[in-house]
């Protein structure tokens, strides 16, 4: 099973706080299940968590605080660039 360190998840939450303050954090957490919110509210930096939790958190960040800007990829594929300040997330839409 692939896992992600609690410190990585904490860093993502800190990024949200930096970009959008407490309102952004509220929007991101509201997009997650009660179970995910419970885990994220009691993270241990040294613990390992399911990779899927990190994926769900990333998706909630993209939907909650990032601005979407679709672009055409080099090979005709559609890319969705989400940006905010100096931070960029890139997702390939399939």
PDB file of N, CA and C in Angstrom:
ATOM      1  N   UNK A   1       0.838  -1.179   0.000  1.00  0.00           N
ATOM      2  CA  UNK A   1       0.000   0.000   0.000  1.00  0.00           C
ATOM      3  C   UNK A   1       0.889   1.250   0.000  1.00  0.00           C
ATOM      4  N   UNK A   2       0.576   2.189  -0.870  1.00  0.00           N
ATOM      5  CA  UNK A   2       1.316   3.444  -0.952  1.00  0.00           C
ATOM      6  C   UNK A   2       0.813   4.378   0.141  1.00  0.00           C
ATOM      7  N   UNK A   3       1.751   5.061   0.785  1.00  0.00           N
ATOM      8  CA  UNK A   3       1.396   5.945   1.893  1.00  0.00           C
ATOM      9  C   UNK A   3       2.028   7.314   1.706  1.00  0.00           C
ATOM     10  N   UNK A   4       1.540   8.269   2.476  1.00  0.00           N
ATOM     11  CA  UNK A   4       2.074   9.630   2.472  1.00  0.00           C
ATOM     12  C   UNK A   4       2.325  10.028   3.927  1.00  0.00           C
ATOM     13  N   UNK A   5       3.409  10.712   4.148  1.00  0.00           N
ATOM     14  CA  UNK A   5       3.793  11.114   5.508  1.00  0.00           C
ATOM     15  C   UNK A   5       2.891  12.259   5.993  1.00  0.00           C
ATOM     16  N   UNK A   6       2.587  12.240   7.265  1.00  0.00           N
ATOM     17  CA  UNK A   6       1.767  13.288   7.860  1.00  0.00           C
ATOM     18  C   UNK A   6       2.345  14.675   7.663  1.00  0.00           C
ATOM     19  N   UNK A   7       3.663  14.785   7.640  1.00  0.00           N
ATOM     20  CA  UNK A   7       4.300  16.092   7.433  1.00  0.00           C
ATOM     21  C   UNK A   7       3.978  16.663   6.051  1.00  0.00           C
ATOM     22  N   UNK A   8       3.802  15.789   5.056  1.00  0.00           N
ATOM     23  CA  UNK A   8       3.445  16.248   3.710  1.00  0.00           C
ATOM     24  C   UNK A   8       2.021  16.793   3.718  1.00  0.00           C
ATOM     25  N   UNK A   9       1.114  16.086   4.369  1.00  0.00           N
ATOM     26  CA  UNK A   9      -0.267  16.560   4.451  1.00  0.00           C
ATOM     27  C   UNK A   9      -0.339  17.872   5.228  1.00  0.00           C
ATOM     28  N   UNK A  10       0.440  17.984   6.296  1.00  0.00           N
ATOM     29  CA  UNK A  10       0.484  19.241   7.063  1.00  0.00           C
ATOM     30  C   UNK A  10       0.988  20.394   6.195  1.00  0.00           C
ATOM     31  N   UNK A  11       1.981  20.119   5.363  1.00  0.00           N
ATOM     32  CA  UNK A  11       2.524  21.152   4.478  1.00  0.00           C
ATOM     33  C   UNK A  11       1.466  21.627   3.487  1.00  0.00           C
ATOM     34  N   UNK A  12       0.656  20.703   2.996  1.00  0.00           N
ATOM     35  CA  UNK A  12      -0.413  21.096   2.073  1.00  0.00           C
ATOM     36  C   UNK A  12      -1.439  21.981   2.775  1.00  0.00           C
ATOM     37  N   UNK A  13      -1.800  21.624   3.995  1.00  0.00           N
ATOM     38  CA  UNK A  13      -2.746  22.441   4.758  1.00  0.00           C
ATOM     39  C   UNK A  13      -2.150  23.819   5.082  1.00  0.00           C
ATOM     40  N   UNK A  14      -0.847  23.865   5.349  1.00  0.00           N
ATOM     41  CA  UNK A  14      -0.179  25.142   5.602  1.00  0.00           C
ATOM     42  C   UNK A  14      -0.180  26.009   4.348  1.00  0.00           C
ATOM     43  N   UNK A  15      -0.035  25.385   3.183  1.00  0.00           N
ATOM     44  CA  UNK A  15      -0.102  26.113   1.920  1.00  0.00           C
ATOM     45  C   UNK A  15      -1.471  26.767   1.750  1.00  0.00           C
ATOM     46  N   UNK A  16      -2.515  26.011   2.035  1.00  0.00           N
ATOM     47  CA  UNK A  16      -3.872  26.560   1.932  1.00  0.00           C
ATOM     48  C   UNK A  16      -4.024  27.747   2.875  1.00  0.00           C
ATOM     49  N   UNK A  17      -3.544  27.606   4.089  1.00  0.00           N
ATOM     50  CA  UNK A  17      -3.630  28.687   5.072  1.00  0.00           C
ATOM     51  C   UNK A  17      -2.884  29.923   4.577  1.00  0.00           C
ATOM     52  N   UNK A  18      -1.731  29.706   3.958  1.00  0.00           N
ATOM     53  CA  UNK A  18      -0.935  30.824   3.442  1.00  0.00           C
ATOM     54  C   UNK A  18      -1.624  31.506   2.259  1.00  0.00           C
ATOM     55  N   UNK A  19      -2.222  30.706   1.382  1.00  0.00           N
ATOM     56  CA  UNK A  19      -2.852  31.260   0.183  1.00  0.00           C
ATOM     57  C   UNK A  19      -4.197  31.911   0.449  1.00  0.00           C
ATOM     58  N   UNK A  20      -4.978  31.310   1.321  1.00  0.00           N
ATOM     59  CA  UNK A  20      -6.369  31.758   1.456  1.00  0.00           C
ATOM     60  C   UNK A  20      -6.832  31.874   2.899  1.00  0.00           C
ATOM     61  N   UNK A  21      -5.930  31.870   3.837  1.00  0.00           N
ATOM     62  CA  UNK A  21      -6.239  32.045   5.262  1.00  0.00           C
ATOM     63  C   UNK A  21      -7.273  31.031   5.742  1.00  0.00           C
ATOM     64  N   UNK A  22      -7.948  31.361   6.823  1.00  0.00           N
ATOM     65  CA  UNK A  22      -8.871  30.404   7.431  1.00  0.00           C
ATOM     66  C   UNK A  22     -10.081  30.125   6.539  1.00  0.00           C
ATOM     67  N   UNK A  23     -10.487  31.083   5.729  1.00  0.00           N
ATOM     68  CA  UNK A  23     -11.611  30.863   4.815  1.00  0.00           C
ATOM     69  C   UNK A  23     -11.265  29.774   3.797  1.00  0.00           C
ATOM     70  N   UNK A  24     -10.043  29.794   3.283  1.00  0.00           N
ATOM     71  CA  UNK A  24      -9.612  28.767   2.337  1.00  0.00           C
ATOM     72  C   UNK A  24      -9.557  27.398   2.990  1.00  0.00           C
ATOM     73  N   UNK A  25      -9.046  27.345   4.199  1.00  0.00           N
ATOM     74  CA  UNK A  25      -8.991  26.086   4.930  1.00  0.00           C
ATOM     75  C   UNK A  25     -10.400  25.546   5.156  1.00  0.00           C
ATOM     76  N   UNK A  26     -11.322  26.412   5.506  1.00  0.00           N
ATOM     77  CA  UNK A  26     -12.708  25.999   5.706  1.00  0.00           C
ATOM     78  C   UNK A  26     -13.294  25.431   4.418  1.00  0.00           C
ATOM     79  N   UNK A  27     -13.046  26.114   3.286  1.00  0.00           N
ATOM     80  CA  UNK A  27     -13.572  25.642   1.994  1.00  0.00           C
ATOM     81  C   UNK A  27     -12.983  24.282   1.620  1.00  0.00           C
ATOM     82  N   UNK A  28     -11.688  24.119   1.850  1.00  0.00           N
ATOM     83  CA  UNK A  28     -11.033  22.848   1.508  1.00  0.00           C
ATOM     84  C   UNK A  28     -11.574  21.722   2.376  1.00  0.00           C
ATOM     85  N   UNK A  29     -11.618  21.922   3.678  1.00  0.00           N
ATOM     86  CA  UNK A  29     -12.099  20.873   4.580  1.00  0.00           C
ATOM     87  C   UNK A  29     -13.566  20.530   4.333  1.00  0.00           C
ATOM     88  N   UNK A  30     -14.359  21.513   3.923  1.00  0.00           N
ATOM     89  CA  UNK A  30     -15.777  21.273   3.640  1.00  0.00           C
ATOM     90  C   UNK A  30     -15.970  20.328   2.454  1.00  0.00           C
ATOM     91  N   UNK A  31     -14.982  20.230   1.581  1.00  0.00           N
ATOM     92  CA  UNK A  31     -15.076  19.355   0.412  1.00  0.00           C
ATOM     93  C   UNK A  31     -14.715  17.905   0.725  1.00  0.00           C
ATOM     94  N   UNK A  32     -14.256  17.654   1.939  1.00  0.00           N
ATOM     95  CA  UNK A  32     -13.836  16.311   2.336  1.00  0.00           C
ATOM     96  C   UNK A  32     -14.890  15.635   3.210  1.00  0.00           C
ATOM     97  N   UNK A  33     -14.800  14.338   3.305  1.00  0.00           N
ATOM     98  CA  UNK A  33     -15.719  13.576   4.155  1.00  0.00           C
ATOM     99  C   UNK A  33     -15.418  13.859   5.625  1.00  0.00           C
ATOM    100  N   UNK A  34     -16.378  13.534   6.474  1.00  0.00           N
ATOM    101  CA  UNK A  34     -16.171  13.686   7.919  1.00  0.00           C
ATOM    102  C   UNK A  34     -14.961  12.878   8.388  1.00  0.00           C
ATOM    103  N   UNK A  35     -14.815  11.683   7.838  1.00  0.00           N
ATOM    104  CA  UNK A  35     -13.690  10.821   8.226  1.00  0.00           C
ATOM    105  C   UNK A  35     -12.356  11.465   7.843  1.00  0.00           C
ATOM    106  N   UNK A  36     -12.262  11.994   6.611  1.00  0.00           N
ATOM    107  CA  UNK A  36     -11.027  12.649   6.175  1.00  0.00           C
ATOM    108  C   UNK A  36     -10.735  13.881   7.024  1.00  0.00           C
ATOM    109  N   UNK A  37     -11.757  14.673   7.298  1.00  0.00           N
ATOM    110  CA  UNK A  37     -11.566  15.866   8.140  1.00  0.00           C
ATOM    111  C   UNK A  37     -11.045  15.467   9.513  1.00  0.00           C
ATOM    112  N   UNK A  38     -11.591  14.416  10.082  1.00  0.00           N
ATOM    113  CA  UNK A  38     -11.152  13.955  11.389  1.00  0.00           C
ATOM    114  C   UNK A  38      -9.683  13.575  11.400  1.00  0.00           C
ATOM    115  N   UNK A  39      -9.260  12.877  10.359  1.00  0.00           N
ATOM    116  CA  UNK A  39      -7.850  12.481  10.262  1.00  0.00           C
ATOM    117  C   UNK A  39      -6.970  13.723  10.110  1.00  0.00           C
ATOM    118  N   UNK A  40      -7.358  14.639   9.228  1.00  0.00           N
ATOM    119  CA  UNK A  40      -6.537  15.819   8.966  1.00  0.00           C
ATOM    120  C   UNK A  40      -6.463  16.763  10.165  1.00  0.00           C
ATOM    121  N   UNK A  41      -7.484  16.770  10.982  1.00  0.00           N
ATOM    122  CA  UNK A  41      -7.478  17.648  12.152  1.00  0.00           C
ATOM    123  C   UNK A  41      -6.606  17.094  13.282  1.00  0.00           C
ATOM    124  N   UNK A  42      -6.197  15.837  13.182  1.00  0.00           N
ATOM    125  CA  UNK A  42      -5.355  15.248  14.231  1.00  0.00           C
ATOM    126  C   UNK A  42      -4.106  14.579  13.640  1.00  0.00           C
ATOM    127  N   UNK A  43      -3.550  15.203  12.609  1.00  0.00           N
ATOM    128  CA  UNK A  43      -2.379  14.639  11.935  1.00  0.00           C
ATOM    129  C   UNK A  43      -1.162  14.564  12.852  1.00  0.00           C
ATOM    130  N   UNK A  44      -0.430  13.499  12.696  1.00  0.00           N
ATOM    131  CA  UNK A  44       0.882  13.372  13.324  1.00  0.00           C
ATOM    132  C   UNK A  44       1.919  13.460  12.204  1.00  0.00           C
ATOM    133  N   UNK A  45       2.846  14.380  12.320  1.00  0.00           N
ATOM    134  CA  UNK A  45       3.840  14.593  11.267  1.00  0.00           C
ATOM    135  C   UNK A  45       4.636  13.329  10.964  1.00  0.00           C
ATOM    136  N   UNK A  46       4.881  12.511  11.964  1.00  0.00           N
ATOM    137  CA  UNK A  46       5.721  11.326  11.776  1.00  0.00           C
ATOM    138  C   UNK A  46       4.950  10.081  11.345  1.00  0.00           C
ATOM    139  N   UNK A  47       3.631  10.175  11.304  1.00  0.00           N
ATOM    140  CA  UNK A  47       2.811   9.010  10.948  1.00  0.00           C
ATOM    141  C   UNK A  47       2.632   8.904   9.429  1.00  0.00           C
ATOM    142  N   UNK A  48       2.280   7.707   8.998  1.00  0.00           N
ATOM    143  CA  UNK A  48       1.985   7.449   7.584  1.00  0.00           C
ATOM    144  C   UNK A  48       0.475   7.340   7.401  1.00  0.00           C
ATOM    145  N   UNK A  49      -0.015   7.890   6.293  1.00  0.00           N
ATOM    146  CA  UNK A  49      -1.443   7.895   5.988  1.00  0.00           C
ATOM    147  C   UNK A  49      -1.654   7.370   4.572  1.00  0.00           C
ATOM    148  N   UNK A  50      -2.861   6.888   4.273  1.00  0.00           N
ATOM    149  CA  UNK A  50      -3.132   6.365   2.931  1.00  0.00           C
ATOM    150  C   UNK A  50      -2.913   7.435   1.850  1.00  0.00           C
ATOM    151  N   UNK A  51      -2.252   7.033   0.780  1.00  0.00           N
ATOM    152  CA  UNK A  51      -1.989   7.940  -0.333  1.00  0.00           C
ATOM    153  C   UNK A  51      -3.285   8.540  -0.870  1.00  0.00           C
ATOM    154  N   UNK A  52      -4.350   7.754  -0.851  1.00  0.00           N
ATOM    155  CA  UNK A  52      -5.641   8.235  -1.346  1.00  0.00           C
ATOM    156  C   UNK A  52      -6.127   9.461  -0.568  1.00  0.00           C
ATOM    157  N   UNK A  53      -5.814   9.533   0.720  1.00  0.00           N
ATOM    158  CA  UNK A  53      -6.171  10.712   1.513  1.00  0.00           C
ATOM    159  C   UNK A  53      -5.469  11.946   0.954  1.00  0.00           C
ATOM    160  N   UNK A  54      -4.193  11.800   0.602  1.00  0.00           N
ATOM    161  CA  UNK A  54      -3.451  12.903  -0.007  1.00  0.00           C
ATOM    162  C   UNK A  54      -4.048  13.323  -1.336  1.00  0.00           C
ATOM    163  N   UNK A  55      -4.476  12.351  -2.137  1.00  0.00           N
ATOM    164  CA  UNK A  55      -5.117  12.670  -3.422  1.00  0.00           C
ATOM    165  C   UNK A  55      -6.415  13.431  -3.208  1.00  0.00           C
ATOM    166  N   UNK A  56      -7.208  12.984  -2.241  1.00  0.00           N
ATOM    167  CA  UNK A  56      -8.477  13.678  -1.967  1.00  0.00           C
ATOM    168  C   UNK A  56      -8.221  15.091  -1.447  1.00  0.00           C
ATOM    169  N   UNK A  57      -7.189  15.242  -0.621  1.00  0.00           N
ATOM    170  CA  UNK A  57      -6.845  16.570  -0.124  1.00  0.00           C
ATOM    171  C   UNK A  57      -6.387  17.468  -1.277  1.00  0.00           C
ATOM    172  N   UNK A  58      -5.549  16.953  -2.155  1.00  0.00           N
ATOM    173  CA  UNK A  58      -5.111  17.743  -3.318  1.00  0.00           C
ATOM    174  C   UNK A  58      -6.289  18.187  -4.165  1.00  0.00           C
ATOM    175  N   UNK A  59      -7.224  17.283  -4.405  1.00  0.00           N
ATOM    176  CA  UNK A  59      -8.405  17.633  -5.205  1.00  0.00           C
ATOM    177  C   UNK A  59      -9.227  18.706  -4.497  1.00  0.00           C
ATOM    178  N   UNK A  60      -9.379  18.589  -3.200  1.00  0.00           N
ATOM    179  CA  UNK A  60     -10.133  19.594  -2.440  1.00  0.00           C
ATOM    180  C   UNK A  60      -9.428  20.948  -2.483  1.00  0.00           C
ATOM    181  N   UNK A  61      -8.094  20.946  -2.465  1.00  0.00           N
ATOM    182  CA  UNK A  61      -7.347  22.204  -2.567  1.00  0.00           C
ATOM    183  C   UNK A  61      -7.571  22.840  -3.925  1.00  0.00           C
ATOM    184  N   UNK A  62      -7.471  22.021  -4.965  1.00  0.00           N
ATOM    185  CA  UNK A  62      -7.683  22.534  -6.322  1.00  0.00           C
ATOM    186  C   UNK A  62      -9.080  23.128  -6.456  1.00  0.00           C
ATOM    187  N   UNK A  63     -10.079  22.414  -5.975  1.00  0.00           N
ATOM    188  CA  UNK A  63     -11.459  22.878  -6.106  1.00  0.00           C
ATOM    189  C   UNK A  63     -11.791  24.009  -5.139  1.00  0.00           C
ATOM    190  N   UNK A  64     -11.113  24.053  -3.998  1.00  0.00           N
ATOM    191  CA  UNK A  64     -11.467  25.017  -2.971  1.00  0.00           C
ATOM    192  C   UNK A  64     -10.773  26.355  -3.041  1.00  0.00           C
ATOM    193  N   UNK A  65      -9.516  26.395  -3.524  1.00  0.00           N
ATOM    194  CA  UNK A  65      -8.793  27.664  -3.483  1.00  0.00           C
ATOM    195  C   UNK A  65      -8.059  28.036  -4.767  1.00  0.00           C
ATOM    196  N   UNK A  66      -7.954  27.136  -5.704  1.00  0.00           N
ATOM    197  CA  UNK A  66      -7.214  27.435  -6.927  1.00  0.00           C
ATOM    198  C   UNK A  66      -8.149  27.922  -8.034  1.00  0.00           C
ATOM    199  N   UNK A  67      -7.590  28.680  -8.955  1.00  0.00           N
ATOM    200  CA  UNK A  67      -8.328  29.149 -10.118  1.00  0.00           C
ATOM    201  C   UNK A  67      -7.945  28.276 -11.308  1.00  0.00           C
ATOM    202  N   UNK A  68      -8.952  27.797 -12.038  1.00  0.00           N
ATOM    203  CA  UNK A  68      -8.690  26.882 -13.150  1.00  0.00           C
ATOM    204  C   UNK A  68      -8.500  27.653 -14.446  1.00  0.00           C
ATOM    205  N   UNK A  69      -7.494  27.242 -15.217  1.00  0.00           N
ATOM    206  CA  UNK A  69      -7.200  27.847 -16.501  1.00  0.00           C
ATOM    207  C   UNK A  69      -6.863  26.728 -17.480  1.00  0.00           C
ATOM    208  N   UNK A  70      -7.850  26.268 -18.285  1.00  0.00           N
ATOM    209  CA  UNK A  70      -7.572  25.168 -19.213  1.00  0.00           C
ATOM    210  C   UNK A  70      -6.634  25.610 -20.344  1.00  0.00           C
ATOM    211  N   UNK A  71      -5.734  24.730 -20.750  1.00  0.00           N
ATOM    212  CA  UNK A  71      -4.842  24.998 -21.872  1.00  0.00           C
ATOM    213  C   UNK A  71      -4.767  23.754 -22.743  1.00  0.00           C
ATOM    214  N   UNK A  72      -4.355  23.937 -23.990  1.00  0.00           N
ATOM    215  CA  UNK A  72      -4.210  22.804 -24.901  1.00  0.00           C
ATOM    216  C   UNK A  72      -2.811  22.225 -24.748  1.00  0.00           C
ATOM    217  N   UNK A  73      -2.722  20.925 -24.591  1.00  0.00           N
ATOM    218  CA  UNK A  73      -1.433  20.258 -24.439  1.00  0.00           C
ATOM    219  C   UNK A  73      -0.720  20.097 -25.763  1.00  0.00           C
ATOM    220  N   UNK A  74       0.532  19.729 -25.703  1.00  0.00           N
ATOM    221  CA  UNK A  74       1.383  19.579 -26.875  1.00  0.00           C
ATOM    222  C   UNK A  74       0.860  18.520 -27.837  1.00  0.00           C
ATOM    223  N   UNK A  75       0.210  17.480 -27.329  1.00  0.00           N
ATOM    224  CA  UNK A  75      -0.245  16.389 -28.179  1.00  0.00           C
ATOM    225  C   UNK A  75      -1.764  16.381 -28.345  1.00  0.00           C
ATOM    226  N   UNK A  76      -2.388  17.542 -28.199  1.00  0.00           N
ATOM    227  CA  UNK A  76      -3.824  17.647 -28.382  1.00  0.00           C
ATOM    228  C   UNK A  76      -4.632  17.314 -27.147  1.00  0.00           C
ATOM    229  N   UNK A  77      -3.953  16.929 -26.056  1.00  0.00           N
ATOM    230  CA  UNK A  77      -4.677  16.633 -24.823  1.00  0.00           C
ATOM    231  C   UNK A  77      -4.998  17.946 -24.102  1.00  0.00           C
ATOM    232  N   UNK A  78      -6.007  17.915 -23.287  1.00  0.00           N
ATOM    233  CA  UNK A  78      -6.386  19.094 -22.530  1.00  0.00           C
ATOM    234  C   UNK A  78      -5.742  19.041 -21.156  1.00  0.00           C
ATOM    235  N   UNK A  79      -5.096  20.109 -20.795  1.00  0.00           N
ATOM    236  CA  UNK A  79      -4.490  20.228 -19.484  1.00  0.00           C
ATOM    237  C   UNK A  79      -5.267  21.264 -18.689  1.00  0.00           C
ATOM    238  N   UNK A  80      -5.378  21.058 -17.422  1.00  0.00           N
ATOM    239  CA  UNK A  80      -6.021  22.044 -16.559  1.00  0.00           C
ATOM    240  C   UNK A  80      -4.967  22.569 -15.600  1.00  0.00           C
ATOM    241  N   UNK A  81      -4.643  23.827 -15.721  1.00  0.00           N
ATOM    242  CA  UNK A  81      -3.659  24.443 -14.847  1.00  0.00           C
ATOM    243  C   UNK A  81      -4.412  25.221 -13.786  1.00  0.00           C
ATOM    244  N   UNK A  82      -4.111  24.923 -12.554  1.00  0.00           N
ATOM    245  CA  UNK A  82      -4.726  25.614 -11.431  1.00  0.00           C
ATOM    246  C   UNK A  82      -3.637  26.456 -10.792  1.00  0.00           C
ATOM    247  N   UNK A  83      -3.845  27.756 -10.721  1.00  0.00           N
ATOM    248  CA  UNK A  83      -2.787  28.555 -10.139  1.00  0.00           C
ATOM    249  C   UNK A  83      -3.310  29.538  -9.110  1.00  0.00           C
ATOM    250  N   UNK A  84      -2.450  29.906  -8.217  1.00  0.00           N
ATOM    251  CA  UNK A  84      -2.735  30.873  -7.168  1.00  0.00           C
ATOM    252  C   UNK A  84      -1.377  31.386  -6.717  1.00  0.00           C
ATOM    253  N   UNK A  85      -1.140  32.660  -6.866  1.00  0.00           N
ATOM    254  CA  UNK A  85       0.144  33.254  -6.493  1.00  0.00           C
ATOM    255  C   UNK A  85       1.277  32.539  -7.226  1.00  0.00           C
ATOM    256  N   UNK A  86       2.251  32.033  -6.514  1.00  0.00           N
ATOM    257  CA  UNK A  86       3.404  31.366  -7.132  1.00  0.00           C
ATOM    258  C   UNK A  86       3.261  29.859  -7.168  1.00  0.00           C
ATOM    259  N   UNK A  87       2.082  29.346  -6.867  1.00  0.00           N
ATOM    260  CA  UNK A  87       1.866  27.908  -6.782  1.00  0.00           C
ATOM    261  C   UNK A  87       1.071  27.450  -7.993  1.00  0.00           C
ATOM    262  N   UNK A  88       1.502  26.379  -8.614  1.00  0.00           N
ATOM    263  CA  UNK A  88       0.799  25.854  -9.783  1.00  0.00           C
ATOM    264  C   UNK A  88       0.597  24.356  -9.620  1.00  0.00           C
ATOM    265  N   UNK A  89      -0.639  23.896  -9.827  1.00  0.00           N
ATOM    266  CA  UNK A  89      -0.964  22.485  -9.885  1.00  0.00           C
ATOM    267  C   UNK A  89      -1.317  22.182 -11.336  1.00  0.00           C
ATOM    268  N   UNK A  90      -0.858  21.077 -11.852  1.00  0.00           N
ATOM    269  CA  UNK A  90      -1.154  20.704 -13.222  1.00  0.00           C
ATOM    270  C   UNK A  90      -1.815  19.332 -13.217  1.00  0.00           C
ATOM    271  N   UNK A  91      -2.995  19.252 -13.800  1.00  0.00           N
ATOM    272  CA  UNK A  91      -3.723  17.988 -13.904  1.00  0.00           C
ATOM    273  C   UNK A  91      -3.977  17.689 -15.366  1.00  0.00           C
ATOM    274  N   UNK A  92      -3.754  16.460 -15.770  1.00  0.00           N
ATOM    275  CA  UNK A  92      -4.087  16.041 -17.131  1.00  0.00           C
ATOM    276  C   UNK A  92      -5.509  15.525 -17.092  1.00  0.00           C
ATOM    277  N   UNK A  93      -6.357  16.100 -17.923  1.00  0.00           N
ATOM    278  CA  UNK A  93      -7.766  15.699 -17.983  1.00  0.00           C
ATOM    279  C   UNK A  93      -7.908  14.535 -18.953  1.00  0.00           C
ATOM    280  N   UNK A  94      -8.436  13.424 -18.479  1.00  0.00           N
ATOM    281  CA  UNK A  94      -8.617  12.265 -19.355  1.00  0.00           C
ATOM    282  C   UNK A  94     -10.076  11.896 -19.421  1.00  0.00           C
TER     283      UNK A  94
END
